[in-house]
Structure formats: C-alpha cells, structure tokens
Amino acid sequence: MVKKTHARLADGREIIYFDESDGAERATSDRRELPPFRLQPTARHDVLQDEWVSLADFRQDRTYLPPDDQCPLCPSTPIRATEIPAHSYDVVVFENRFPSFATMAAAAHADVQAADAQGPGELLLRRQAGVGRCEVVCFTADHNSSFSALTPDRVRTVIEAWVDRTITLSALPHVEQVFCFENRGKEIGVTLSHPHGQIYAYPFLTPRTRRMLDSARSYRERTWRNLFADVLAAELHSGERVVARGDSWTAFVPFAARWPLEVHVYPNNHVPDLPALSEPERAELSWICLDVLRRMEAVFDDTLPYIAAWHQAPVRIDRDLARLHLQLFSIRRGPGRLKYLAGSESAMGAFINDISPETAARLLREAR
C-alpha cells in the first residue's frame, strides 16, 4: 500500500508524495520565497495539418543542465531549498514550474476564443488558452540513479503514481488525454539529469493518438475486430520480433519500427489505460519494464538516450478502440552514433530505419 501526502509549494503549486511506508512523514512547508504561479500558455491551430501547436515562450527561462549540487529535483537540505521540501522521498509528483499547459489557463479560455471569433481569419487563425496540466514525476531521491536501476518495488510505486495521476487529471475539465512519459539523456534534450518523468494532461487528442484511433476505427469497420489485439496476435504468431513475454505482458519490436531500438509492451488482455490494470498486471509490469530497458541499455554498450511513452485511451471517446501500451525507443543506432531526424523524417514524416526490426529483436533477446 502506498501512502499519499498532499502539500503546496511556496508559489501555490501542488506536490504529492508517494511513500512505500505508512510511517513516512513528509515536510509540507516550502521555505522558498516564490512569486505566485500564474503562467498561462496558449495553443494555435495548424489548419494545414489539423493539429494544435502549444506556445509557452516562458519555458525559455527554465533551468538548463545545472551542476549536480544545484539540482532542483534533489531533496531539500538545511542550506539549500529545492522543488521538493522533504529531506528524502520515495516517489514525488508536483506541478511543473514551466508548463506547456496549465489549469489556470481555463479562466482565459472563453476570452481567447471570443477574441478570435471575428474577422476574415476566424476559421484559419484559431487559438485557445493552453488549458491542462503538466506534472513532474521524480522516481527516486538518488540523483545518480536511473529508472533501469530502480527495484521492482520502486517501479511498482511509480506505477501507482501514474495510476493516481491519470485518474485525477482525467477528471479535470477540458482534459482529453493523459500522457505519462520519460525523456532520458542529453541527446534527447533532457535539461535535468535527475531520474524523472513527466505527465501531460492535454486539452486535445494528440496527432499520433488521433491517427492510431482512425486506423483502429477503419480496421473495425472492415473486419469487426480490434486492431491492437490483432497486431499483438500477429506478433505472437510470428515470434520473430518478440523480446520478452509474461502471463500479463508481451514486449516486441514492431514490424514497421521507426527507431533503431524500439520496443512496444502490450498487456495480453484488452486494457484501455493504466487505472484499468489489475493487481497481477501491475506487479508483472514492474519487472518487464526493467527487463526490456536493461536489454536496450546492453545492446550497444553505450549510454541509452531514450523515450518511454505510455499510450492510453482518450478520456472521453473511443475507449473501446484504444489499447494501453508502452512504447520504448532510442535514437542510439550504434556505439557513438545517433539516429537524427533529418529531411525525410522531419519535413515529410517519412521514417527510414537503419536497423531491421528482426535484427533489433535478436540483439535485444541476446542482450544481458
């Protein structure tokens, strides 16, 4: 059982401790002097691609690769106060100080739309307030650790934090999708090296989710079957790209992988999101995540810049079409070599992979 403790930071942002001991006592007083948290990001609609682009220019001033002894995600000490007032913690979640979306933007939502609903460009130059929420998830107080170095018990605590926040954020007005993810490595663009992930509560469906749902809907209309279930069945039948399998989860390199090292982790049963996972599914997930990530780290005997992305069903629509799954991928294509998104990928969205999925799966199965 995980113990939750809620508190507020000096500028009004929420912080939640997730502790593995019922007896844990957490500091709830932030001794810093911070101005009130009143940032209001916005979003603009790209009519050519029918996508929303978020604008948060204040993020230019966010903390960038500070020295280890100035890390804002480490516990506070008597001589230095950080984002986390406690002197230690297991897992902690707090509102991002430099968010791409914020709940306070809801107050400006109607005003922004009304201001744009006039003139000849009203259908082409649409914008809205960046309503939503962005949170930081710290996996451990140990600055020099990593997700792959966590124990299965700690990963289980992280899973409980993801579940709790997905439930809470899904209940917020305007939120359409909740995305739990981790960026790891300077090559990915990480600005803080402390082991942590993030959670975005979007006020719209993201382009990738919309496209997957469109594909799933079209497939169901043709076959009366679920696309994600049949993809998993096809990978299990082939077996050539399966990396690891348990009673509740299967990890495989997708048939049309875009990245040199890319693994999808599917629940064997149809589950829409993290809160819907059973106790046995959550328990097995804690070790299969570690197994796959450690295999990925071992393939090239080099640092592993990666993204871990949880694809969950939308909050309000198409929950029967979607299927929860984890996408793990790295831009590492060899020792000392990275996969860059150049012209074909960045401009045209047409990926070219340097390693065949079958080769990647073999390397991952052999890795230890």
Protein backbone atom coordinates (compact mmCIF):
# COMPACT_ATOMS: atom_id res chain seq x y z
CA MET A 1 0.00 0.00 0.00
CA VAL A 2 1.34 3.42 -0.99
CA LYS A 3 0.86 6.39 1.35
CA LYS A 4 -0.02 9.73 -0.27
CA THR A 5 0.76 13.12 1.26
CA HIS A 6 -0.52 16.32 -0.39
CA ALA A 7 1.07 19.74 0.12
CA ARG A 8 1.62 23.08 -1.62
CA LEU A 9 4.84 24.70 -2.77
CA ALA A 10 5.63 28.33 -1.99
CA ASP A 11 4.06 29.60 -5.24
CA GLY A 12 0.86 27.56 -4.82
CA ARG A 13 1.70 24.56 -6.99
CA GLU A 14 0.61 21.13 -5.75
CA ILE A 15 3.08 18.45 -4.64
CA ILE A 16 2.22 14.83 -3.77
CA TYR A 17 4.49 12.33 -2.02
CA PHE A 18 4.03 8.62 -2.76
CA ASP A 19 5.69 6.69 0.05
CA GLU A 20 6.27 2.97 0.49
CA SER A 21 5.99 3.22 4.28
CA ASP A 22 2.86 4.15 6.21
CA GLY A 23 5.06 5.81 8.80
CA ALA A 24 6.74 8.22 6.38
CA GLU A 25 6.49 11.85 7.49
CA ARG A 26 6.96 14.42 4.76
CA ALA A 27 7.77 18.10 5.03
CA THR A 28 4.82 20.19 3.85
CA SER A 29 6.37 23.65 4.22
CA ASP A 30 8.34 25.18 1.35
CA ARG A 31 10.64 27.83 2.81
CA ARG A 32 11.45 29.50 -0.51
CA GLU A 33 10.07 32.89 -1.50
CA LEU A 34 8.46 32.48 -4.91
CA PRO A 35 6.03 34.70 -6.83
CA PRO A 36 2.51 33.28 -7.30
CA PHE A 37 2.23 30.69 -10.06
CA ARG A 38 0.18 32.40 -12.79
CA LEU A 39 1.62 31.28 -16.13
CA GLN A 40 -0.89 30.98 -18.97
CA PRO A 41 0.32 29.03 -22.02
CA THR A 42 -1.68 29.13 -25.25
CA ALA A 43 -2.21 26.93 -28.30
CA ARG A 44 -2.64 27.70 -32.01
CA HIS A 45 -4.30 25.57 -34.65
CA ASP A 46 -2.33 24.48 -37.72
CA VAL A 47 -5.08 24.31 -40.35
CA LEU A 48 -2.85 22.57 -42.91
CA GLN A 49 -2.29 19.55 -40.68
CA ASP A 50 -5.31 19.96 -38.37
CA GLU A 51 -3.06 19.94 -35.30
CA TRP A 52 -2.66 22.14 -32.25
CA VAL A 53 0.73 23.71 -31.51
CA SER A 54 1.37 24.79 -27.92
CA LEU A 55 3.09 28.10 -27.19
CA ALA A 56 4.87 28.59 -23.88
CA ASP A 57 7.65 31.09 -24.53
CA PHE A 58 8.35 31.46 -20.79
CA ARG A 59 9.88 27.96 -20.93
CA GLN A 60 12.96 29.57 -22.50
CA ASP A 61 13.91 30.57 -18.95
CA ARG A 62 13.61 27.08 -17.41
CA THR A 63 16.56 25.52 -15.58
CA TYR A 64 19.06 24.08 -18.06
CA LEU A 65 21.57 21.35 -17.12
CA PRO A 66 22.54 22.71 -13.69
CA PRO A 67 25.54 21.31 -11.76
CA ASP A 68 24.68 18.23 -9.70
CA ASP A 69 24.84 20.18 -6.45
CA GLN A 70 22.24 22.64 -7.81
CA CYS A 71 19.70 20.07 -9.00
CA PRO A 72 16.14 21.29 -8.27
CA LEU A 73 14.79 17.71 -8.10
CA CYS A 74 17.00 16.52 -5.26
CA PRO A 75 15.62 16.66 -1.69
CA SER A 76 16.00 19.93 0.18
CA THR A 77 18.82 20.35 2.68
CA PRO A 78 19.25 22.80 5.57
CA ILE A 79 21.38 25.03 3.32
CA ARG A 80 19.51 24.66 0.01
CA ALA A 81 15.79 24.53 -0.70
CA THR A 82 14.65 22.73 -3.88
CA GLU A 83 11.37 21.96 -5.59
CA ILE A 84 10.92 19.17 -3.04
CA PRO A 85 10.81 20.44 0.57
CA ALA A 86 11.38 16.99 2.13
CA HIS A 87 14.88 15.86 3.12
CA SER A 88 14.17 12.48 1.45
CA TYR A 89 11.45 10.83 -0.62
CA ASP A 90 10.47 7.66 -2.46
CA VAL A 91 8.41 8.96 -5.42
CA VAL A 92 7.10 12.51 -5.67
CA VAL A 93 4.88 14.33 -8.17
CA PHE A 94 4.49 18.09 -8.47
CA GLU A 95 3.16 20.66 -10.91
CA ASN A 96 5.77 21.74 -13.44
CA ARG A 97 7.10 25.24 -12.79
CA PHE A 98 7.40 25.81 -16.56
CA PRO A 99 4.32 24.07 -18.01
CA SER A 100 3.16 23.68 -21.58
CA PHE A 101 -0.41 23.53 -20.23
CA ALA A 102 -1.91 24.89 -17.01
CA THR A 103 -5.28 24.66 -15.25
CA MET A 104 -5.32 28.41 -14.59
CA ALA A 105 -5.48 29.00 -18.33
CA ALA A 106 -9.12 27.91 -18.16
CA ALA A 107 -10.04 31.38 -16.92
CA ALA A 108 -8.83 32.84 -20.20
CA HIS A 109 -10.25 30.08 -22.40
CA ALA A 110 -13.54 31.74 -23.33
CA ASP A 111 -11.99 35.19 -23.71
CA VAL A 112 -9.33 33.97 -26.14
CA GLN A 113 -11.84 32.12 -28.30
CA ALA A 114 -14.20 35.10 -28.32
CA ALA A 115 -11.40 37.47 -29.36
CA ASP A 116 -10.54 35.26 -32.35
CA ALA A 117 -14.12 34.60 -33.44
CA GLN A 118 -14.26 37.69 -35.64
CA GLY A 119 -12.71 38.99 -38.85
CA PRO A 120 -11.80 37.20 -42.13
CA GLY A 121 -9.27 34.90 -40.47
CA GLU A 122 -11.51 33.46 -37.80
CA LEU A 123 -11.51 29.99 -39.39
CA LEU A 124 -7.80 29.99 -40.27
CA LEU A 125 -6.15 31.77 -37.33
CA ARG A 126 -7.62 29.96 -34.38
CA ARG A 127 -6.03 29.94 -30.94
CA GLN A 128 -7.07 28.92 -27.48
CA ALA A 129 -5.75 29.00 -23.94
CA GLY A 130 -3.40 26.16 -23.04
CA VAL A 131 -5.80 24.53 -20.60
CA GLY A 132 -4.49 21.37 -18.96
CA ARG A 133 -1.73 20.42 -16.58
CA CYS A 134 1.93 19.37 -16.63
CA GLU A 135 3.49 17.42 -13.78
CA VAL A 136 6.96 16.17 -12.92
CA VAL A 137 7.41 12.63 -11.53
CA CYS A 138 10.65 12.02 -9.59
CA PHE A 139 11.41 8.30 -9.45
CA THR A 140 13.99 8.43 -6.64
CA ALA A 141 15.85 10.84 -4.40
CA ASP A 142 19.15 9.41 -5.69
CA HIS A 143 20.45 11.92 -8.23
CA ASN A 144 22.92 9.44 -9.76
CA SER A 145 20.41 6.63 -10.31
CA SER A 146 18.18 5.86 -13.31
CA PHE A 147 14.85 4.17 -14.00
CA SER A 148 16.61 0.95 -15.02
CA ALA A 149 18.46 0.91 -11.68
CA LEU A 150 15.24 1.02 -9.64
CA THR A 151 13.99 -2.03 -7.77
CA PRO A 152 10.76 -3.72 -8.92
CA ASP A 153 9.14 -2.44 -5.72
CA ARG A 154 10.07 1.14 -6.58
CA VAL A 155 8.79 0.74 -10.14
CA ARG A 156 5.57 -0.56 -8.60
CA THR A 157 5.33 2.71 -6.62
CA VAL A 158 5.90 4.71 -9.80
CA ILE A 159 3.09 2.75 -11.47
CA GLU A 160 0.78 3.64 -8.58
CA ALA A 161 1.70 7.29 -9.02
CA TRP A 162 0.91 7.09 -12.76
CA VAL A 163 -2.43 5.43 -11.99
CA ASP A 164 -3.35 8.00 -9.35
CA ARG A 165 -2.47 10.96 -11.54
CA THR A 166 -4.23 9.53 -14.59
CA ILE A 167 -7.44 9.23 -12.59
CA THR A 168 -7.11 12.73 -11.11
CA LEU A 169 -6.10 14.51 -14.32
CA SER A 170 -8.75 12.73 -16.39
CA ALA A 171 -11.38 14.31 -14.15
CA LEU A 172 -10.23 17.87 -14.90
CA PRO A 173 -12.42 19.99 -17.20
CA HIS A 174 -11.08 20.39 -20.77
CA VAL A 175 -8.63 17.46 -20.44
CA GLU A 176 -8.95 14.97 -23.32
CA GLN A 177 -5.82 12.83 -22.97
CA VAL A 178 -3.31 11.96 -20.22
CA PHE A 179 0.24 11.09 -21.25
CA CYS A 180 2.83 9.63 -18.86
CA PHE A 181 6.37 9.62 -20.25
CA GLU A 182 10.09 9.79 -19.55
CA ASN A 183 12.80 11.53 -21.57
CA ARG A 184 16.28 10.23 -20.73
CA GLY A 185 19.63 11.60 -21.87
CA LYS A 186 21.05 14.90 -23.06
CA GLU A 187 20.83 13.66 -26.65
CA ILE A 188 17.04 13.54 -26.27
CA GLY A 189 17.01 17.12 -24.99
CA VAL A 190 16.69 16.49 -21.26
CA THR A 191 17.51 19.62 -19.25
CA LEU A 192 17.63 17.98 -15.79
CA SER A 193 19.66 14.79 -15.29
CA HIS A 194 17.90 13.66 -12.09
CA PRO A 195 15.83 10.49 -12.76
CA HIS A 196 12.35 11.77 -13.54
CA GLY A 197 9.47 11.64 -15.95
CA GLN A 198 6.52 13.85 -16.76
CA ILE A 199 2.76 13.72 -17.18
CA TYR A 200 0.88 15.92 -19.65
CA ALA A 201 -2.88 16.42 -19.46
CA TYR A 202 -3.73 17.66 -22.96
CA PRO A 203 -6.81 19.75 -23.87
CA PHE A 204 -6.94 17.90 -27.21
CA LEU A 205 -6.13 14.50 -28.68
CA THR A 206 -2.53 14.37 -29.86
CA PRO A 207 -1.86 13.76 -33.58
CA ARG A 208 -0.41 10.27 -33.03
CA THR A 209 -3.37 9.17 -30.92
CA ARG A 210 -5.86 10.54 -33.45
CA ARG A 211 -4.13 8.68 -36.27
CA MET A 212 -3.99 5.39 -34.37
CA LEU A 213 -7.68 5.69 -33.48
CA ASP A 214 -8.57 6.45 -37.10
CA SER A 215 -6.67 3.32 -38.18
CA ALA A 216 -8.35 1.25 -35.47
CA ARG A 217 -11.80 2.55 -36.45
CA SER A 218 -11.23 1.81 -40.14
CA TYR A 219 -9.96 -1.67 -39.29
CA ARG A 220 -13.01 -2.41 -37.13
CA GLU A 221 -15.36 -1.26 -39.90
CA ARG A 222 -13.66 -3.68 -42.30
CA THR A 223 -13.17 -6.67 -40.02
CA TRP A 224 -15.32 -6.14 -36.88
CA ARG A 225 -12.12 -6.78 -34.91
CA ASN A 226 -9.80 -4.73 -32.68
CA LEU A 227 -6.65 -3.59 -34.45
CA PHE A 228 -4.39 -3.60 -31.38
CA ALA A 229 -5.49 -7.11 -30.37
CA ASP A 230 -4.78 -8.42 -33.85
CA VAL A 231 -1.36 -6.71 -34.00
CA LEU A 232 -0.40 -8.46 -30.77
CA ALA A 233 -1.76 -11.79 -32.05
CA ALA A 234 0.23 -11.43 -35.28
CA GLU A 235 3.46 -10.69 -33.39
CA LEU A 236 2.91 -13.67 -31.08
CA HIS A 237 2.19 -15.94 -34.05
CA SER A 238 5.37 -14.83 -35.80
CA GLY A 239 7.51 -14.78 -32.67
CA GLU A 240 10.41 -13.35 -34.67
CA ARG A 241 10.24 -9.94 -33.03
CA VAL A 242 9.12 -10.94 -29.51
CA VAL A 243 11.66 -9.83 -26.90
CA ALA A 244 10.02 -10.90 -23.63
CA ARG A 245 6.70 -12.41 -22.56
CA GLY A 246 4.92 -12.98 -19.26
CA ASP A 247 1.47 -14.05 -18.13
CA SER A 248 0.16 -10.48 -18.43
CA TRP A 249 2.50 -8.64 -20.84
CA THR A 250 4.32 -9.11 -24.14
CA ALA A 251 7.24 -7.00 -25.36
CA PHE A 252 8.09 -6.96 -29.06
CA VAL A 253 9.82 -4.88 -31.71
CA PRO A 254 7.05 -3.65 -34.04
CA PHE A 255 7.03 -4.96 -37.61
CA ALA A 256 7.47 -1.41 -39.01
CA ALA A 257 9.68 0.04 -36.25
CA ARG A 258 10.76 3.61 -36.95
CA TRP A 259 13.66 3.73 -34.49
CA PRO A 260 16.90 1.68 -34.33
CA LEU A 261 15.84 0.27 -30.95
CA GLU A 262 12.08 0.35 -30.42
CA VAL A 263 10.01 -1.96 -28.23
CA HIS A 264 6.27 -1.98 -27.63
CA VAL A 265 4.97 -3.53 -24.42
CA TYR A 266 1.33 -4.68 -24.65
CA PRO A 267 -0.94 -6.09 -21.93
CA ASN A 268 -2.11 -9.53 -23.02
CA ASN A 269 -5.68 -8.55 -22.12
CA HIS A 270 -7.52 -5.57 -23.58
CA VAL A 271 -6.94 -2.69 -21.14
CA PRO A 272 -7.69 0.96 -22.06
CA ASP A 273 -5.46 2.73 -19.55
CA LEU A 274 -3.22 2.38 -16.51
CA PRO A 275 -6.03 2.63 -13.90
CA ALA A 276 -7.73 -0.38 -15.51
CA LEU A 277 -4.76 -2.67 -14.80
CA SER A 278 -5.36 -5.48 -12.30
CA GLU A 279 -3.04 -6.13 -9.37
CA PRO A 280 -1.25 -9.05 -11.13
CA GLU A 281 -0.83 -6.91 -14.27
CA ARG A 282 0.73 -4.08 -12.29
CA ALA A 283 3.06 -6.45 -10.47
CA GLU A 284 4.33 -8.10 -13.66
CA LEU A 285 4.69 -4.73 -15.38
CA SER A 286 7.20 -3.66 -12.73
CA TRP A 287 9.70 -6.32 -13.81
CA ILE A 288 9.04 -6.46 -17.55
CA CYS A 289 9.72 -2.70 -17.85
CA LEU A 290 13.07 -3.18 -16.14
CA ASP A 291 13.92 -6.27 -18.19
CA VAL A 292 13.30 -4.55 -21.53
CA LEU A 293 15.04 -1.31 -20.58
CA ARG A 294 18.13 -3.13 -19.29
CA ARG A 295 18.29 -5.15 -22.51
CA MET A 296 18.13 -1.95 -24.53
CA GLU A 297 20.96 -0.46 -22.48
CA ALA A 298 23.13 -3.55 -23.06
CA VAL A 299 22.80 -3.75 -26.86
CA PHE A 300 25.39 -1.12 -27.79
CA ASP A 301 27.34 -0.97 -24.51
CA ASP A 302 26.87 2.79 -24.58
CA THR A 303 24.60 5.37 -22.97
CA LEU A 304 20.96 4.93 -23.90
CA PRO A 305 19.14 8.15 -24.76
CA TYR A 306 15.51 7.06 -24.86
CA ILE A 307 11.85 7.99 -24.57
CA ALA A 308 9.35 5.87 -22.65
CA ALA A 309 5.82 6.76 -23.75
CA TRP A 310 2.58 5.42 -22.30
CA HIS A 311 -0.22 5.38 -24.87
CA GLN A 312 -3.55 5.47 -23.04
CA ALA A 313 -7.13 5.64 -24.26
CA PRO A 314 -8.60 9.15 -24.54
CA VAL A 315 -10.51 10.40 -21.53
CA ARG A 316 -13.93 10.67 -23.18
CA ILE A 317 -14.10 8.99 -26.59
CA ASP A 318 -13.07 5.81 -28.44
CA ARG A 319 -12.02 4.00 -25.28
CA ASP A 320 -13.17 0.72 -26.82
CA LEU A 321 -10.88 1.23 -29.82
CA ALA A 322 -7.69 2.09 -27.95
CA ARG A 323 -5.41 -0.26 -26.03
CA LEU A 324 -2.91 0.70 -23.37
CA HIS A 325 0.69 0.10 -24.39
CA LEU A 326 4.20 1.31 -23.63
CA GLN A 327 6.47 2.49 -26.42
CA LEU A 328 10.19 2.47 -25.59
CA PHE A 329 12.58 3.79 -28.20
CA SER A 330 16.12 5.13 -28.51
CA ILE A 331 17.88 7.32 -31.04
CA ARG A 332 21.08 5.29 -30.47
CA ARG A 333 21.86 3.35 -33.69
CA GLY A 334 25.32 2.16 -32.72
CA PRO A 335 28.19 2.87 -30.29
CA GLY A 336 28.85 6.60 -30.51
CA ARG A 337 26.24 7.03 -33.26
CA LEU A 338 22.78 8.60 -33.12
CA LYS A 339 19.75 8.49 -35.37
CA TYR A 340 18.97 12.09 -36.34
CA LEU A 341 15.63 13.16 -37.77
CA ALA A 342 16.78 14.78 -41.00
CA GLY A 343 14.91 15.85 -44.13
CA SER A 344 12.73 12.81 -44.82
CA GLU A 345 11.69 12.36 -41.18
CA SER A 346 11.39 15.98 -40.05
CA ALA A 347 9.99 17.57 -43.19
CA MET A 348 7.97 14.72 -44.69
CA GLY A 349 7.28 12.49 -41.68
CA ALA A 350 8.62 9.51 -43.67
CA PHE A 351 10.93 7.46 -41.44
CA ILE A 352 13.94 5.48 -42.62
CA ASN A 353 15.26 2.93 -40.11
CA ASP A 354 18.92 1.91 -40.01
CA ILE A 355 18.36 -1.46 -38.31
CA SER A 356 15.80 -4.08 -39.33
CA PRO A 357 13.22 -4.88 -36.62
CA GLU A 358 14.19 -8.55 -36.74
CA THR A 359 17.87 -7.71 -36.12
CA ALA A 360 16.93 -5.37 -33.28
CA ALA A 361 14.76 -8.08 -31.67
CA ARG A 362 17.59 -10.61 -31.89
CA LEU A 363 20.07 -8.16 -30.34
CA LEU A 364 17.62 -7.46 -27.51
CA ARG A 365 16.93 -11.15 -26.84
CA GLU A 366 20.69 -11.84 -26.69
CA ALA A 367 21.47 -8.82 -24.50
CA ARG A 368 22.17 -9.36 -20.83
